[in-house]
Amino acid sequence: MRVFIALSLPDKTKDNLERSASQFRTLATGGAFVPKENYHVTLHFLGNVEKTNLIYIQSAMDSVINMPAPKLSVNQFAVMRASNVVCAKFNKNADLTALHGKLADGLDKMGFTVERRAYRPHVTLIRKYSFSLPFSEVTKCVDVYNKPFDAPEVVLYQSVFTDSGVKYAPLYSVTLSAR
């Protein structure tokens, strides 16, 4: 099964991201828009994992329960040209960096390969985007709703491929400590 660990987002934040995505939609000449229910901030992509190994991922997730929930806010919309996506980017902060690192250490100890490149927290809004205007001009027409929010839930998701697209099914979650 194909899995990843992510921060879930509050409904209000998903609504705000969807409003911004709908503004992008009016300017797009192409692209696959991510459904609101799939919005999340990936912490670690694990890829294909045997079902019998999920217990080890859960153990790594359990190790972060006492960590503080990171406070996030959208700081800009950007393109990741290497992956051909438009995303909402977040500023990294100490709590998010510590959470990402502790999860990486726990997964590494359990034998999983984790990426050690620079972490860029984001929510993917559009895949395979295209616009008739330069992206710098497009973003001038899209509102950034950046009210800070707490992200207290870490979720292990499975990517489920369906005829109507990818759906993310939660398999396990832990709640971080409140401030």
Protein backbone atom coordinates (compact mmCIF):
# COMPACT_ATOMS: atom_id res chain seq x y z
CA MET A 1 0.00 0.00 0.00
CA ARG A 2 1.18 3.55 -0.80
CA VAL A 3 1.33 5.67 2.37
CA PHE A 4 2.46 9.01 3.76
CA ILE A 5 2.33 10.91 7.06
CA ALA A 6 0.78 14.37 7.07
CA LEU A 7 -0.71 17.11 9.19
CA SER A 8 -4.45 17.33 8.71
CA LEU A 9 -5.92 20.79 8.24
CA PRO A 10 -8.89 22.43 9.97
CA ASP A 11 -12.03 22.70 7.83
CA LYS A 12 -11.82 26.52 7.82
CA THR A 13 -8.29 26.36 6.41
CA LYS A 14 -9.40 23.90 3.73
CA ASP A 15 -12.29 26.23 2.86
CA ASN A 16 -9.89 29.18 2.52
CA LEU A 17 -7.51 27.17 0.33
CA GLU A 18 -10.43 26.09 -1.82
CA ARG A 19 -11.46 29.74 -2.27
CA SER A 20 -7.96 30.57 -3.48
CA ALA A 21 -7.95 27.50 -5.75
CA SER A 22 -11.24 28.62 -7.31
CA GLN A 23 -9.60 31.97 -8.15
CA PHE A 24 -6.74 30.07 -9.79
CA ARG A 25 -9.32 28.01 -11.69
CA THR A 26 -10.73 31.13 -13.38
CA LEU A 27 -7.23 31.95 -14.70
CA ALA A 28 -6.05 28.44 -15.59
CA THR A 29 -5.90 27.07 -19.11
CA GLY A 30 -5.31 23.56 -17.78
CA GLY A 31 -4.43 21.50 -14.76
CA ALA A 32 -5.77 18.95 -12.31
CA PHE A 33 -7.21 20.69 -9.25
CA VAL A 34 -6.80 18.79 -5.99
CA PRO A 35 -10.14 18.23 -4.21
CA LYS A 36 -10.53 20.05 -0.89
CA GLU A 37 -10.86 16.78 1.04
CA ASN A 38 -7.31 15.85 -0.07
CA TYR A 39 -5.63 19.00 1.30
CA HIS A 40 -2.90 18.20 3.84
CA VAL A 41 0.69 19.13 4.73
CA THR A 42 2.94 16.14 4.04
CA LEU A 43 5.52 15.41 6.70
CA HIS A 44 6.98 12.20 5.21
CA PHE A 45 6.16 10.28 2.05
CA LEU A 46 6.92 6.60 2.58
CA GLY A 47 5.76 5.11 -0.72
CA ASN A 48 4.82 1.45 -0.99
CA VAL A 49 4.82 -0.28 2.39
CA GLU A 50 3.70 -3.77 3.36
CA LYS A 51 0.59 -3.77 5.53
CA THR A 52 2.48 -5.76 8.18
CA ASN A 53 4.93 -2.84 8.57
CA LEU A 54 2.27 -0.24 9.45
CA ILE A 55 2.75 -1.01 13.16
CA TYR A 56 6.29 0.38 12.93
CA ILE A 57 5.07 3.61 11.34
CA GLN A 58 2.46 3.91 14.08
CA SER A 59 5.18 3.47 16.70
CA ALA A 60 7.20 6.32 15.15
CA MET A 61 4.06 8.47 15.15
CA ASP A 62 3.35 7.65 18.80
CA SER A 63 6.76 9.13 19.69
CA VAL A 64 5.57 12.66 18.78
CA ILE A 65 2.35 12.73 20.83
CA ASN A 66 3.78 15.03 23.53
CA MET A 67 5.16 17.53 21.02
CA PRO A 68 3.40 20.88 20.62
CA ALA A 69 1.03 21.31 17.69
CA PRO A 70 2.64 23.65 15.16
CA LYS A 71 0.94 26.95 14.37
CA LEU A 72 0.87 27.50 10.61
CA SER A 73 -0.27 30.08 8.11
CA VAL A 74 -0.06 30.32 4.35
CA ASN A 75 2.65 32.78 3.36
CA GLN A 76 2.43 32.58 -0.44
CA PHE A 77 1.39 30.63 -3.49
CA ALA A 78 4.23 29.20 -5.54
CA VAL A 79 5.02 26.77 -8.30
CA MET A 80 7.23 23.76 -7.87
CA ARG A 81 8.43 23.49 -11.42
CA ALA A 82 10.24 20.19 -10.90
CA SER A 83 6.94 18.53 -9.99
CA ASN A 84 4.71 20.85 -12.08
CA VAL A 85 2.42 21.85 -9.19
CA VAL A 86 0.96 25.02 -7.72
CA CYS A 87 1.00 24.99 -3.95
CA ALA A 88 0.28 27.04 -0.85
CA LYS A 89 3.54 27.41 1.05
CA PHE A 90 3.92 27.75 4.81
CA ASN A 91 6.67 29.35 6.83
CA LYS A 92 8.64 26.76 8.75
CA ASN A 93 8.76 27.27 12.48
CA ALA A 94 10.57 25.58 15.35
CA ASP A 95 7.63 23.32 16.28
CA LEU A 96 7.11 22.13 12.70
CA THR A 97 10.83 21.58 12.14
CA ALA A 98 11.13 19.61 15.39
CA LEU A 99 8.06 17.49 14.54
CA HIS A 100 9.38 16.70 11.05
CA GLY A 101 12.81 15.81 12.45
CA LYS A 102 11.56 13.62 15.29
CA LEU A 103 9.29 11.70 12.92
CA ALA A 104 12.24 11.24 10.53
CA ASP A 105 14.41 9.90 13.35
CA GLY A 106 11.68 7.51 14.50
CA LEU A 107 11.01 6.23 10.99
CA ASP A 108 14.73 5.84 10.35
CA LYS A 109 15.10 3.75 13.53
CA MET A 110 12.25 1.55 12.33
CA GLY A 111 14.08 0.89 9.06
CA PHE A 112 12.22 3.25 6.71
CA THR A 113 14.02 5.42 4.20
CA VAL A 114 13.25 9.09 4.81
CA GLU A 115 14.23 12.05 2.67
CA ARG A 116 16.87 14.24 4.27
CA ARG A 117 16.59 17.11 1.79
CA ALA A 118 15.30 20.51 2.86
CA TYR A 119 11.72 20.28 4.10
CA ARG A 120 9.29 22.59 2.28
CA PRO A 121 5.87 22.48 3.95
CA HIS A 122 3.08 23.07 1.46
CA VAL A 123 -0.39 22.07 0.29
CA THR A 124 -0.69 21.05 -3.37
CA LEU A 125 -3.58 22.86 -5.07
CA ILE A 126 -3.04 22.14 -8.80
CA ARG A 127 -1.08 19.45 -10.63
CA LYS A 128 0.10 19.88 -14.25
CA TYR A 129 -0.90 23.54 -14.18
CA SER A 130 -0.98 25.90 -17.13
CA PHE A 131 -1.85 29.59 -17.35
CA SER A 132 -1.85 31.99 -20.28
CA LEU A 133 -0.19 34.62 -18.06
CA PRO A 134 3.12 34.37 -16.22
CA PHE A 135 2.59 32.89 -12.75
CA SER A 136 3.80 36.14 -11.13
CA GLU A 137 0.84 37.90 -12.79
CA VAL A 138 -1.61 35.14 -11.90
CA THR A 139 -0.79 35.35 -8.18
CA LYS A 140 -1.68 39.06 -8.17
CA CYS A 141 -5.28 37.99 -8.82
CA VAL A 142 -5.48 35.35 -6.08
CA ASP A 143 -6.16 36.13 -2.43
CA VAL A 144 -3.99 34.59 0.27
CA TYR A 145 -6.08 33.75 3.32
CA ASN A 146 -3.37 33.34 5.93
CA LYS A 147 -5.06 33.34 9.30
CA PRO A 148 -2.79 31.27 11.57
CA PHE A 149 -4.11 27.91 12.71
CA ASP A 150 -2.99 25.05 14.91
CA ALA A 151 -2.32 21.71 13.22
CA PRO A 152 -2.71 19.22 16.09
CA GLU A 153 -3.35 15.99 14.18
CA VAL A 154 -0.69 13.82 12.52
CA VAL A 155 -2.26 11.25 10.20
CA LEU A 156 -0.99 8.19 8.37
CA TYR A 157 -2.79 8.18 5.02
CA GLN A 158 -3.10 5.56 2.31
CA SER A 159 -3.38 6.72 -1.29
CA VAL A 160 -6.33 4.89 -2.81
CA PHE A 161 -6.54 5.05 -6.59
CA THR A 162 -10.12 5.14 -7.88
CA ASP A 163 -11.80 5.78 -11.24
CA SER A 164 -12.57 9.32 -10.07
CA GLY A 165 -9.02 10.06 -8.89
CA VAL A 166 -6.85 9.56 -5.83
CA LYS A 167 -8.48 9.55 -2.41
CA TYR A 168 -6.54 9.68 0.84
CA ALA A 169 -7.82 7.23 3.44
CA PRO A 170 -6.73 7.81 7.05
CA LEU A 171 -5.24 4.69 8.65
CA TYR A 172 -3.97 6.00 11.99
CA SER A 173 -3.66 9.34 13.75
CA VAL A 174 -2.12 10.93 16.82
CA THR A 175 -2.99 14.21 18.45
CA LEU A 176 -0.20 16.58 19.40
CA SER A 177 -0.30 18.51 22.68
CA ALA A 178 -2.13 21.82 22.86
CA ARG A 179 -0.26 25.00 23.69
